[in-house]
């Protein structure tokens, strides 16, 4: 709970509030309608769909970004939430902290009773061997998830037989990338190789993986959408002020122009509007909003804009 209360990262779950009474303990979190990454994997497998390299790289960048600060020890698709169900490049949120620990409080080695050892699907070699470990156990899991995104296969399974994944296959088998990832670029294969390095001392950390230029190839175009999504979440659920991006920009880059900033443009649009054509969005008739006809829409908009305030108001009425 302490880790959840301190989270303020776009790709890590944050606690809105917690409450305790005679009936039990309750925790409240933001709502993410996109389900889990595990559910998306299942749907893709049923339909024979693979996540393309662009979308997979975009999502794995977010996952690695969320792995930089804590050791989760249980990274898997079912513990990763998505902000949107049908969006190819949603925001990812790491959600399960049942086993997570601060890096400074990491034990010297993986203990036999640390989690369920029989569930080795995302376990790294050092976890299986009960050896010394660090945050790179999560990077290993991220590598498996990345591989599965691109192939719908576990890198250490015999084809699509997931039941074949066991301790020996993880320790002894090598991923068959030339077979499973034929259409994937050599850059992505190289990154996966570093994420799935069996010797954890040679394996990439999340920070090292994020320094790969290739992983940011598909990041720039959608970075703003991810940041905007997080800023709105902080504003609506946590009442945080939205902080403008202070990242330096190239001096030659001009400020984007919006028609609303130009009074002459606005006047021109108003004059050219055809008030008799009800099929055009420029029609005055279409521009008038009727509250009585759209009450349900107003309620839905208010719910999405400020859920906390909306629920408080709704509760007081009932």
C-alpha atoms as a PDB file:
ATOM      1  CA  UNK A   1       0.000   0.000   0.000  1.00  0.00           C
ATOM      2  CA  UNK A   2       2.889   2.339   0.774  1.00  0.00           C
ATOM      3  CA  UNK A   3       4.317   1.834  -2.721  1.00  0.00           C
ATOM      4  CA  UNK A   4       0.908   2.504  -4.291  1.00  0.00           C
ATOM      5  CA  UNK A   5       0.493   5.748  -2.364  1.00  0.00           C
ATOM      6  CA  UNK A   6       3.810   7.071  -3.640  1.00  0.00           C
ATOM      7  CA  UNK A   7       3.310   6.206  -7.308  1.00  0.00           C
ATOM      8  CA  UNK A   8       3.077   9.064  -9.773  1.00  0.00           C
ATOM      9  CA  UNK A   9       4.163   7.569 -13.083  1.00  0.00           C
ATOM     10  CA  UNK A  10       2.154   7.303 -16.327  1.00  0.00           C
ATOM     11  CA  UNK A  11       2.699   3.533 -16.476  1.00  0.00           C
ATOM     12  CA  UNK A  12       2.314   2.592 -12.813  1.00  0.00           C
ATOM     13  CA  UNK A  13      -0.963   2.283 -10.890  1.00  0.00           C
ATOM     14  CA  UNK A  14      -1.660   5.004  -8.317  1.00  0.00           C
ATOM     15  CA  UNK A  15      -3.912   4.764  -5.275  1.00  0.00           C
ATOM     16  CA  UNK A  16      -6.773   7.283  -5.239  1.00  0.00           C
ATOM     17  CA  UNK A  17      -7.877   6.574  -1.668  1.00  0.00           C
ATOM     18  CA  UNK A  18      -8.140   3.789   0.891  1.00  0.00           C
ATOM     19  CA  UNK A  19     -10.674   3.187   3.636  1.00  0.00           C
ATOM     20  CA  UNK A  20     -11.033   0.766   6.515  1.00  0.00           C
ATOM     21  CA  UNK A  21     -14.127  -0.062   8.583  1.00  0.00           C
ATOM     22  CA  UNK A  22     -15.698  -3.023  10.372  1.00  0.00           C
ATOM     23  CA  UNK A  23     -16.447  -4.716   7.058  1.00  0.00           C
ATOM     24  CA  UNK A  24     -12.862  -4.646   5.832  1.00  0.00           C
ATOM     25  CA  UNK A  25     -10.244  -2.647   3.980  1.00  0.00           C
ATOM     26  CA  UNK A  26     -11.060  -0.881   0.723  1.00  0.00           C
ATOM     27  CA  UNK A  27      -8.777   0.641  -1.906  1.00  0.00           C
ATOM     28  CA  UNK A  28      -9.881   2.903  -4.767  1.00  0.00           C
ATOM     29  CA  UNK A  29      -8.064   3.259  -8.075  1.00  0.00           C
ATOM     30  CA  UNK A  30      -8.694   5.006 -11.413  1.00  0.00           C
ATOM     31  CA  UNK A  31     -10.898   3.087 -13.840  1.00  0.00           C
ATOM     32  CA  UNK A  32      -9.271   1.731 -16.994  1.00  0.00           C
ATOM     33  CA  UNK A  33     -11.861   0.414 -19.498  1.00  0.00           C
ATOM     34  CA  UNK A  34      -9.300  -1.290 -21.733  1.00  0.00           C
ATOM     35  CA  UNK A  35      -9.060  -4.473 -19.670  1.00  0.00           C
ATOM     36  CA  UNK A  36      -5.706  -6.211 -19.351  1.00  0.00           C
ATOM     37  CA  UNK A  37      -2.914  -6.994 -21.762  1.00  0.00           C
ATOM     38  CA  UNK A  38      -3.584 -10.669 -21.023  1.00  0.00           C
ATOM     39  CA  UNK A  39      -7.144 -10.314 -22.308  1.00  0.00           C
ATOM     40  CA  UNK A  40      -5.848  -8.664 -25.462  1.00  0.00           C
ATOM     41  CA  UNK A  41      -3.418 -11.553 -25.962  1.00  0.00           C
ATOM     42  CA  UNK A  42      -6.254 -14.065 -25.618  1.00  0.00           C
ATOM     43  CA  UNK A  43      -8.420 -12.182 -28.085  1.00  0.00           C
ATOM     44  CA  UNK A  44      -5.555 -11.894 -30.572  1.00  0.00           C
ATOM     45  CA  UNK A  45      -4.771 -15.613 -30.278  1.00  0.00           C
ATOM     46  CA  UNK A  46      -8.414 -16.549 -30.918  1.00  0.00           C
ATOM     47  CA  UNK A  47      -8.484 -14.376 -34.021  1.00  0.00           C
ATOM     48  CA  UNK A  48      -5.003 -15.281 -35.239  1.00  0.00           C
ATOM     49  CA  UNK A  49      -3.815 -11.681 -34.856  1.00  0.00           C
ATOM     50  CA  UNK A  50      -0.311 -10.580 -33.879  1.00  0.00           C
ATOM     51  CA  UNK A  51       0.607  -7.134 -32.592  1.00  0.00           C
ATOM     52  CA  UNK A  52       2.709  -5.414 -35.234  1.00  0.00           C
ATOM     53  CA  UNK A  53       6.252  -4.313 -34.492  1.00  0.00           C
ATOM     54  CA  UNK A  54       5.395  -0.622 -34.296  1.00  0.00           C
ATOM     55  CA  UNK A  55       2.635  -1.078 -31.707  1.00  0.00           C
ATOM     56  CA  UNK A  56       4.542  -3.712 -29.728  1.00  0.00           C
ATOM     57  CA  UNK A  57       7.654  -1.524 -29.492  1.00  0.00           C
ATOM     58  CA  UNK A  58       5.530   1.434 -28.423  1.00  0.00           C
ATOM     59  CA  UNK A  59       3.923  -0.579 -25.618  1.00  0.00           C
ATOM     60  CA  UNK A  60       7.116  -2.261 -24.412  1.00  0.00           C
ATOM     61  CA  UNK A  61       8.747   1.164 -24.092  1.00  0.00           C
ATOM     62  CA  UNK A  62       6.031   2.100 -21.609  1.00  0.00           C
ATOM     63  CA  UNK A  63       6.412  -1.154 -19.691  1.00  0.00           C
ATOM     64  CA  UNK A  64      10.174  -0.707 -19.368  1.00  0.00           C
ATOM     65  CA  UNK A  65       9.648   2.876 -18.263  1.00  0.00           C
ATOM     66  CA  UNK A  66       7.425   1.669 -15.422  1.00  0.00           C
ATOM     67  CA  UNK A  67      10.046  -0.883 -14.332  1.00  0.00           C
ATOM     68  CA  UNK A  68      12.766   1.648 -13.550  1.00  0.00           C
ATOM     69  CA  UNK A  69      11.931   2.345  -9.917  1.00  0.00           C
ATOM     70  CA  UNK A  70      10.619  -0.732  -8.083  1.00  0.00           C
ATOM     71  CA  UNK A  71      11.058  -4.509  -8.291  1.00  0.00           C
ATOM     72  CA  UNK A  72       7.648  -6.041  -9.004  1.00  0.00           C
ATOM     73  CA  UNK A  73       8.555  -9.759  -9.143  1.00  0.00           C
ATOM     74  CA  UNK A  74       5.235 -10.631 -10.797  1.00  0.00           C
ATOM     75  CA  UNK A  75       5.191  -8.896 -14.171  1.00  0.00           C
ATOM     76  CA  UNK A  76       2.746 -10.650 -16.497  1.00  0.00           C
ATOM     77  CA  UNK A  77       0.055  -9.582 -19.013  1.00  0.00           C
ATOM     78  CA  UNK A  78      -2.804 -10.123 -16.544  1.00  0.00           C
ATOM     79  CA  UNK A  79      -1.215  -7.520 -14.245  1.00  0.00           C
ATOM     80  CA  UNK A  80      -0.934  -4.867 -16.954  1.00  0.00           C
ATOM     81  CA  UNK A  81      -3.970  -2.638 -17.520  1.00  0.00           C
ATOM     82  CA  UNK A  82      -4.840  -0.792 -20.737  1.00  0.00           C
ATOM     83  CA  UNK A  83      -6.533   2.595 -20.938  1.00  0.00           C
ATOM     84  CA  UNK A  84      -8.359   1.733 -24.181  1.00  0.00           C
ATOM     85  CA  UNK A  85      -9.741  -1.577 -25.397  1.00  0.00           C
ATOM     86  CA  UNK A  86      -9.693  -1.058 -29.160  1.00  0.00           C
ATOM     87  CA  UNK A  87      -6.782   1.377 -29.447  1.00  0.00           C
ATOM     88  CA  UNK A  88      -3.690  -0.168 -31.040  1.00  0.00           C
ATOM     89  CA  UNK A  89      -1.355   1.989 -28.924  1.00  0.00           C
ATOM     90  CA  UNK A  90      -2.973   2.421 -25.491  1.00  0.00           C
ATOM     91  CA  UNK A  91      -1.309   3.564 -22.292  1.00  0.00           C
ATOM     92  CA  UNK A  92      -0.067   0.635 -20.176  1.00  0.00           C
ATOM     93  CA  UNK A  93      -0.375   0.566 -16.384  1.00  0.00           C
ATOM     94  CA  UNK A  94       1.457  -1.922 -14.145  1.00  0.00           C
ATOM     95  CA  UNK A  95      -1.141  -2.839 -11.543  1.00  0.00           C
ATOM     96  CA  UNK A  96      -0.171  -5.711  -9.204  1.00  0.00           C
ATOM     97  CA  UNK A  97       2.055  -4.900  -6.226  1.00  0.00           C
ATOM     98  CA  UNK A  98       1.465  -8.011  -4.115  1.00  0.00           C
ATOM     99  CA  UNK A  99       5.124  -9.054  -4.316  1.00  0.00           C
ATOM    100  CA  UNK A 100       6.741  -5.733  -5.153  1.00  0.00           C
ATOM    101  CA  UNK A 101       9.588  -4.362  -3.065  1.00  0.00           C
ATOM    102  CA  UNK A 102      11.793  -1.309  -3.012  1.00  0.00           C
ATOM    103  CA  UNK A 103      15.190  -1.868  -4.614  1.00  0.00           C
ATOM    104  CA  UNK A 104      16.893  -0.876  -1.356  1.00  0.00           C
ATOM    105  CA  UNK A 105      15.033  -3.650   0.528  1.00  0.00           C
ATOM    106  CA  UNK A 106      15.741  -6.474  -1.915  1.00  0.00           C
ATOM    107  CA  UNK A 107      16.711  -9.792  -0.251  1.00  0.00           C
ATOM    108  CA  UNK A 108      20.004 -11.391  -1.220  1.00  0.00           C
ATOM    109  CA  UNK A 109      18.387 -14.210  -3.163  1.00  0.00           C
ATOM    110  CA  UNK A 110      15.048 -15.458  -4.431  1.00  0.00           C
ATOM    111  CA  UNK A 111      13.351 -17.470  -1.677  1.00  0.00           C
ATOM    112  CA  UNK A 112      11.517 -20.729  -2.281  1.00  0.00           C
ATOM    113  CA  UNK A 113       8.354 -19.293  -0.690  1.00  0.00           C
ATOM    114  CA  UNK A 114       8.601 -15.994  -2.578  1.00  0.00           C
ATOM    115  CA  UNK A 115       5.516 -16.257  -4.737  1.00  0.00           C
ATOM    116  CA  UNK A 116       4.370 -19.473  -6.395  1.00  0.00           C
ATOM    117  CA  UNK A 117       7.464 -21.156  -7.748  1.00  0.00           C
ATOM    118  CA  UNK A 118       5.413 -23.617  -9.822  1.00  0.00           C
ATOM    119  CA  UNK A 119       4.168 -20.740 -11.980  1.00  0.00           C
ATOM    120  CA  UNK A 120       7.378 -20.296 -13.944  1.00  0.00           C
ATOM    121  CA  UNK A 121       5.869 -18.867 -17.123  1.00  0.00           C
ATOM    122  CA  UNK A 122       7.489 -15.448 -16.576  1.00  0.00           C
ATOM    123  CA  UNK A 123      10.203 -16.491 -14.116  1.00  0.00           C
ATOM    124  CA  UNK A 124      13.832 -15.796 -14.942  1.00  0.00           C
ATOM    125  CA  UNK A 125      16.626 -18.378 -14.506  1.00  0.00           C
ATOM    126  CA  UNK A 126      17.863 -16.795 -11.268  1.00  0.00           C
ATOM    127  CA  UNK A 127      14.372 -17.080  -9.780  1.00  0.00           C
ATOM    128  CA  UNK A 128      14.183 -20.764 -10.704  1.00  0.00           C
ATOM    129  CA  UNK A 129      17.652 -21.458  -9.289  1.00  0.00           C
ATOM    130  CA  UNK A 130      16.947 -19.475  -6.092  1.00  0.00           C
ATOM    131  CA  UNK A 131      19.949 -17.286  -6.815  1.00  0.00           C
ATOM    132  CA  UNK A 132      20.802 -13.657  -6.239  1.00  0.00           C
ATOM    133  CA  UNK A 133      18.541 -11.338  -8.222  1.00  0.00           C
ATOM    134  CA  UNK A 134      17.736  -7.696  -8.854  1.00  0.00           C
ATOM    135  CA  UNK A 135      15.292  -5.610 -10.912  1.00  0.00           C
ATOM    136  CA  UNK A 136      16.332  -7.498 -14.042  1.00  0.00           C
ATOM    137  CA  UNK A 137      13.895 -10.291 -13.154  1.00  0.00           C
ATOM    138  CA  UNK A 138      11.197  -7.858 -14.337  1.00  0.00           C
ATOM    139  CA  UNK A 139      13.145  -7.068 -17.500  1.00  0.00           C
ATOM    140  CA  UNK A 140      13.184 -10.795 -18.286  1.00  0.00           C
ATOM    141  CA  UNK A 141       9.384 -10.885 -17.956  1.00  0.00           C
ATOM    142  CA  UNK A 142       9.136  -7.819 -20.206  1.00  0.00           C
ATOM    143  CA  UNK A 143      11.219  -9.657 -22.809  1.00  0.00           C
ATOM    144  CA  UNK A 144       8.810 -12.599 -22.766  1.00  0.00           C
ATOM    145  CA  UNK A 145       5.842 -10.244 -23.109  1.00  0.00           C
ATOM    146  CA  UNK A 146       7.549  -8.459 -26.020  1.00  0.00           C
ATOM    147  CA  UNK A 147       8.192 -11.806 -27.726  1.00  0.00           C
ATOM    148  CA  UNK A 148       4.584 -12.890 -27.210  1.00  0.00           C
ATOM    149  CA  UNK A 149       3.258  -9.618 -28.634  1.00  0.00           C
ATOM    150  CA  UNK A 150       5.082 -10.244 -31.889  1.00  0.00           C
ATOM    151  CA  UNK A 151       4.520 -13.995 -32.253  1.00  0.00           C
ATOM    152  CA  UNK A 152       1.647 -15.129 -29.989  1.00  0.00           C
ATOM    153  CA  UNK A 153       4.177 -17.644 -28.655  1.00  0.00           C
ATOM    154  CA  UNK A 154       6.200 -18.013 -25.480  1.00  0.00           C
ATOM    155  CA  UNK A 155       9.915 -17.929 -26.416  1.00  0.00           C
ATOM    156  CA  UNK A 156      10.615 -21.100 -24.417  1.00  0.00           C
ATOM    157  CA  UNK A 157       7.594 -23.155 -25.481  1.00  0.00           C
ATOM    158  CA  UNK A 158       7.450 -25.878 -28.086  1.00  0.00           C
ATOM    159  CA  UNK A 159       5.534 -23.995 -30.740  1.00  0.00           C
ATOM    160  CA  UNK A 160       2.142 -22.876 -29.444  1.00  0.00           C
ATOM    161  CA  UNK A 161       2.049 -25.475 -26.657  1.00  0.00           C
ATOM    162  CA  UNK A 162       2.183 -23.237 -23.587  1.00  0.00           C
ATOM    163  CA  UNK A 163       2.064 -26.237 -21.257  1.00  0.00           C
ATOM    164  CA  UNK A 164       5.562 -27.143 -22.476  1.00  0.00           C
ATOM    165  CA  UNK A 165       7.026 -24.159 -20.613  1.00  0.00           C
ATOM    166  CA  UNK A 166       8.751 -25.434 -17.495  1.00  0.00           C
ATOM    167  CA  UNK A 167      11.921 -24.862 -15.507  1.00  0.00           C
ATOM    168  CA  UNK A 168      14.103 -26.947 -17.814  1.00  0.00           C
ATOM    169  CA  UNK A 169      12.901 -25.228 -21.000  1.00  0.00           C
ATOM    170  CA  UNK A 170      13.620 -21.803 -19.514  1.00  0.00           C
ATOM    171  CA  UNK A 171      17.071 -22.848 -18.329  1.00  0.00           C
ATOM    172  CA  UNK A 172      18.123 -24.824 -21.414  1.00  0.00           C
ATOM    173  CA  UNK A 173      16.124 -23.750 -24.466  1.00  0.00           C
ATOM    174  CA  UNK A 174      16.958 -20.734 -26.636  1.00  0.00           C
ATOM    175  CA  UNK A 175      14.289 -18.686 -28.435  1.00  0.00           C
ATOM    176  CA  UNK A 176      13.921 -19.529 -32.127  1.00  0.00           C
ATOM    177  CA  UNK A 177      13.641 -15.951 -33.329  1.00  0.00           C
ATOM    178  CA  UNK A 178      14.566 -16.701 -36.931  1.00  0.00           C
ATOM    179  CA  UNK A 179      11.518 -18.963 -37.041  1.00  0.00           C
ATOM    180  CA  UNK A 180       9.033 -17.163 -34.783  1.00  0.00           C
ATOM    181  CA  UNK A 181       9.958 -13.566 -35.688  1.00  0.00           C
ATOM    182  CA  UNK A 182      10.764 -13.856 -39.391  1.00  0.00           C
ATOM    183  CA  UNK A 183       9.328 -10.472 -40.385  1.00  0.00           C
ATOM    184  CA  UNK A 184      10.710  -8.596 -37.375  1.00  0.00           C
ATOM    185  CA  UNK A 185      13.665  -6.224 -37.740  1.00  0.00           C
ATOM    186  CA  UNK A 186      17.136  -7.175 -36.564  1.00  0.00           C
ATOM    187  CA  UNK A 187      17.068  -4.205 -34.149  1.00  0.00           C
ATOM    188  CA  UNK A 188      14.049  -5.584 -32.296  1.00  0.00           C
ATOM    189  CA  UNK A 189      15.512  -9.099 -32.247  1.00  0.00           C
ATOM    190  CA  UNK A 190      18.723  -7.705 -30.777  1.00  0.00           C
ATOM    191  CA  UNK A 191      16.786  -5.901 -28.053  1.00  0.00           C
ATOM    192  CA  UNK A 192      14.831  -9.061 -27.194  1.00  0.00           C
ATOM    193  CA  UNK A 193      18.114 -10.990 -27.025  1.00  0.00           C
ATOM    194  CA  UNK A 194      19.401  -8.558 -24.388  1.00  0.00           C
ATOM    195  CA  UNK A 195      16.118  -8.699 -22.449  1.00  0.00           C
ATOM    196  CA  UNK A 196      16.155 -12.523 -22.411  1.00  0.00           C
ATOM    197  CA  UNK A 197      19.825 -12.972 -21.528  1.00  0.00           C
ATOM    198  CA  UNK A 198      19.931 -15.957 -19.142  1.00  0.00           C
ATOM    199  CA  UNK A 199      22.895 -14.523 -17.219  1.00  0.00           C
ATOM    200  CA  UNK A 200      21.285 -11.672 -15.331  1.00  0.00           C
ATOM    201  CA  UNK A 201      24.634  -9.913 -14.908  1.00  0.00           C
ATOM    202  CA  UNK A 202      24.741  -9.507 -18.697  1.00  0.00           C
ATOM    203  CA  UNK A 203      21.029  -8.814 -19.103  1.00  0.00           C
ATOM    204  CA  UNK A 204      19.867  -5.272 -19.818  1.00  0.00           C
ATOM    205  CA  UNK A 205      18.414  -3.249 -16.995  1.00  0.00           C
ATOM    206  CA  UNK A 206      15.274  -1.268 -17.808  1.00  0.00           C
ATOM    207  CA  UNK A 207      17.406   1.869 -17.949  1.00  0.00           C
ATOM    208  CA  UNK A 208      19.830   0.309 -20.423  1.00  0.00           C
ATOM    209  CA  UNK A 209      16.995  -0.949 -22.618  1.00  0.00           C
ATOM    210  CA  UNK A 210      15.438   2.506 -22.676  1.00  0.00           C
ATOM    211  CA  UNK A 211      18.707   3.937 -23.987  1.00  0.00           C
ATOM    212  CA  UNK A 212      18.256   1.930 -27.160  1.00  0.00           C
ATOM    213  CA  UNK A 213      17.556   4.383 -29.972  1.00  0.00           C
ATOM    214  CA  UNK A 214      15.436   1.785 -31.724  1.00  0.00           C
ATOM    215  CA  UNK A 215      12.895   1.611 -28.920  1.00  0.00           C
ATOM    216  CA  UNK A 216      12.076   5.292 -29.396  1.00  0.00           C
ATOM    217  CA  UNK A 217      11.577   5.006 -33.158  1.00  0.00           C
ATOM    218  CA  UNK A 218       7.814   4.693 -32.754  1.00  0.00           C
ATOM    219  CA  UNK A 219       7.533   6.653 -29.511  1.00  0.00           C
ATOM    220  CA  UNK A 220       7.695  10.291 -30.548  1.00  0.00           C
ATOM    221  CA  UNK A 221       4.489  10.432 -32.580  1.00  0.00           C
ATOM    222  CA  UNK A 222       2.255   9.164 -29.766  1.00  0.00           C
ATOM    223  CA  UNK A 223       4.136  10.480 -26.732  1.00  0.00           C
ATOM    224  CA  UNK A 224       1.828  13.485 -26.423  1.00  0.00           C
ATOM    225  CA  UNK A 225      -1.282  11.278 -26.366  1.00  0.00           C
ATOM    226  CA  UNK A 226       0.181   9.197 -23.524  1.00  0.00           C
ATOM    227  CA  UNK A 227       1.208  12.286 -21.547  1.00  0.00           C
ATOM    228  CA  UNK A 228      -2.173  13.947 -22.085  1.00  0.00           C
ATOM    229  CA  UNK A 229      -3.944  10.799 -20.900  1.00  0.00           C
ATOM    230  CA  UNK A 230      -1.857  10.743 -17.719  1.00  0.00           C
ATOM    231  CA  UNK A 231      -2.283  14.469 -17.049  1.00  0.00           C
ATOM    232  CA  UNK A 232      -6.060  14.191 -17.352  1.00  0.00           C
ATOM    233  CA  UNK A 233      -6.048  11.195 -15.036  1.00  0.00           C
ATOM    234  CA  UNK A 234      -4.089  13.126 -12.412  1.00  0.00           C
ATOM    235  CA  UNK A 235      -6.424  16.083 -12.729  1.00  0.00           C
ATOM    236  CA  UNK A 236      -9.695  14.160 -12.576  1.00  0.00           C
ATOM    237  CA  UNK A 237      -8.852  11.474 -10.044  1.00  0.00           C
ATOM    238  CA  UNK A 238      -6.215  13.185  -7.918  1.00  0.00           C
ATOM    239  CA  UNK A 239      -7.027  16.890  -8.408  1.00  0.00           C
ATOM    240  CA  UNK A 240      -3.480  17.555  -9.595  1.00  0.00           C
ATOM    241  CA  UNK A 241      -2.786  20.589 -11.726  1.00  0.00           C
ATOM    242  CA  UNK A 242      -1.716  19.779 -15.254  1.00  0.00           C
ATOM    243  CA  UNK A 243       1.926  20.759 -15.685  1.00  0.00           C
ATOM    244  CA  UNK A 244       2.864  22.037 -19.107  1.00  0.00           C
ATOM    245  CA  UNK A 245       5.669  20.217 -20.872  1.00  0.00           C
ATOM    246  CA  UNK A 246       8.819  22.284 -20.408  1.00  0.00           C
ATOM    247  CA  UNK A 247      10.935  20.220 -22.788  1.00  0.00           C
ATOM    248  CA  UNK A 248      13.116  22.585 -24.874  1.00  0.00           C
ATOM    249  CA  UNK A 249      12.103  22.861 -28.499  1.00  0.00           C
ATOM    250  CA  UNK A 250      14.059  23.829 -31.577  1.00  0.00           C
ATOM    251  CA  UNK A 251      14.121  27.633 -31.858  1.00  0.00           C
ATOM    252  CA  UNK A 252      13.128  27.547 -35.494  1.00  0.00           C
ATOM    253  CA  UNK A 253       9.950  25.674 -34.648  1.00  0.00           C
ATOM    254  CA  UNK A 254       6.990  28.026 -34.899  1.00  0.00           C
ATOM    255  CA  UNK A 255       3.982  27.927 -32.615  1.00  0.00           C
ATOM    256  CA  UNK A 256       1.083  26.012 -34.116  1.00  0.00           C
ATOM    257  CA  UNK A 257      -1.731  28.262 -35.336  1.00  0.00           C
ATOM    258  CA  UNK A 258      -5.352  27.683 -34.423  1.00  0.00           C
ATOM    259  CA  UNK A 259      -8.203  29.403 -36.333  1.00  0.00           C
ATOM    260  CA  UNK A 260      -9.856  30.461 -33.074  1.00  0.00           C
ATOM    261  CA  UNK A 261      -6.861  32.712 -32.397  1.00  0.00           C
ATOM    262  CA  UNK A 262      -7.626  34.759 -35.502  1.00  0.00           C
ATOM    263  CA  UNK A 263     -10.744  36.929 -35.247  1.00  0.00           C
ATOM    264  CA  UNK A 264     -10.794  37.492 -39.023  1.00  0.00           C
ATOM    265  CA  UNK A 265     -10.863  33.751 -39.644  1.00  0.00           C
ATOM    266  CA  UNK A 266     -13.674  33.302 -37.139  1.00  0.00           C
ATOM    267  CA  UNK A 267     -15.726  36.102 -38.738  1.00  0.00           C
ATOM    268  CA  UNK A 268     -15.156  34.586 -42.171  1.00  0.00           C
ATOM    269  CA  UNK A 269     -16.431  31.185 -41.015  1.00  0.00           C
ATOM    270  CA  UNK A 270     -19.525  32.762 -39.446  1.00  0.00           C
ATOM    271  CA  UNK A 271     -20.342  34.717 -42.607  1.00  0.00           C
ATOM    272  CA  UNK A 272     -19.856  31.702 -44.876  1.00  0.00           C
ATOM    273  CA  UNK A 273     -22.000  29.457 -42.708  1.00  0.00           C
ATOM    274  CA  UNK A 274     -25.233  28.410 -44.388  1.00  0.00           C
ATOM    275  CA  UNK A 275     -28.028  28.632 -41.782  1.00  0.00           C
ATOM    276  CA  UNK A 276     -30.451  26.858 -44.126  1.00  0.00           C
ATOM    277  CA  UNK A 277     -28.369  23.727 -44.599  1.00  0.00           C
ATOM    278  CA  UNK A 278     -29.065  21.521 -41.570  1.00  0.00           C
ATOM    279  CA  UNK A 279     -26.692  18.824 -42.789  1.00  0.00           C
ATOM    280  CA  UNK A 280     -23.520  20.856 -42.379  1.00  0.00           C
ATOM    281  CA  UNK A 281     -21.654  21.165 -39.100  1.00  0.00           C
ATOM    282  CA  UNK A 282     -21.330  24.889 -39.804  1.00  0.00           C
ATOM    283  CA  UNK A 283     -25.088  25.309 -39.640  1.00  0.00           C
ATOM    284  CA  UNK A 284     -26.323  27.513 -36.827  1.00  0.00           C
ATOM    285  CA  UNK A 285     -29.088  25.030 -36.147  1.00  0.00           C
ATOM    286  CA  UNK A 286     -26.601  22.210 -35.698  1.00  0.00           C
ATOM    287  CA  UNK A 287     -24.352  24.349 -33.504  1.00  0.00           C
ATOM    288  CA  UNK A 288     -27.080  24.981 -30.913  1.00  0.00           C
ATOM    289  CA  UNK A 289     -26.930  22.444 -28.095  1.00  0.00           C
ATOM    290  CA  UNK A 290     -30.241  21.388 -26.552  1.00  0.00           C
ATOM    291  CA  UNK A 291     -29.684  20.384 -22.875  1.00  0.00           C
ATOM    292  CA  UNK A 292     -33.086  18.726 -22.597  1.00  0.00           C
ATOM    293  CA  UNK A 293     -32.427  16.434 -25.547  1.00  0.00           C
ATOM    294  CA  UNK A 294     -28.897  15.549 -24.490  1.00  0.00           C
ATOM    295  CA  UNK A 295     -29.077  15.158 -20.705  1.00  0.00           C
ATOM    296  CA  UNK A 296     -27.615  11.646 -20.804  1.00  0.00           C
ATOM    297  CA  UNK A 297     -24.721  12.889 -22.917  1.00  0.00           C
ATOM    298  CA  UNK A 298     -24.066  15.723 -20.456  1.00  0.00           C
ATOM    299  CA  UNK A 299     -24.010  13.265 -17.542  1.00  0.00           C
ATOM    300  CA  UNK A 300     -21.588  11.018 -19.401  1.00  0.00           C
ATOM    301  CA  UNK A 301     -19.281  13.927 -20.235  1.00  0.00           C
ATOM    302  CA  UNK A 302     -19.308  15.108 -16.612  1.00  0.00           C
ATOM    303  CA  UNK A 303     -18.524  11.588 -15.430  1.00  0.00           C
ATOM    304  CA  UNK A 304     -15.505  11.375 -17.736  1.00  0.00           C
ATOM    305  CA  UNK A 305     -14.299  14.884 -16.937  1.00  0.00           C
ATOM    306  CA  UNK A 306     -14.500  14.820 -13.145  1.00  0.00           C
ATOM    307  CA  UNK A 307     -15.525  11.379 -11.835  1.00  0.00           C
ATOM    308  CA  UNK A 308     -14.853  12.154  -8.181  1.00  0.00           C
ATOM    309  CA  UNK A 309     -16.993  15.306  -8.152  1.00  0.00           C
ATOM    310  CA  UNK A 310     -19.707  13.615 -10.201  1.00  0.00           C
ATOM    311  CA  UNK A 311     -19.990  10.629  -7.851  1.00  0.00           C
ATOM    312  CA  UNK A 312     -20.026  12.882  -4.778  1.00  0.00           C
ATOM    313  CA  UNK A 313     -22.848  14.943  -6.287  1.00  0.00           C
ATOM    314  CA  UNK A 314     -24.759  11.830  -7.342  1.00  0.00           C
ATOM    315  CA  UNK A 315     -24.386  10.236  -3.888  1.00  0.00           C
ATOM    316  CA  UNK A 316     -25.712  13.343  -2.131  1.00  0.00           C
ATOM    317  CA  UNK A 317     -28.864  13.241  -4.272  1.00  0.00           C
ATOM    318  CA  UNK A 318     -29.544   9.648  -3.300  1.00  0.00           C
END
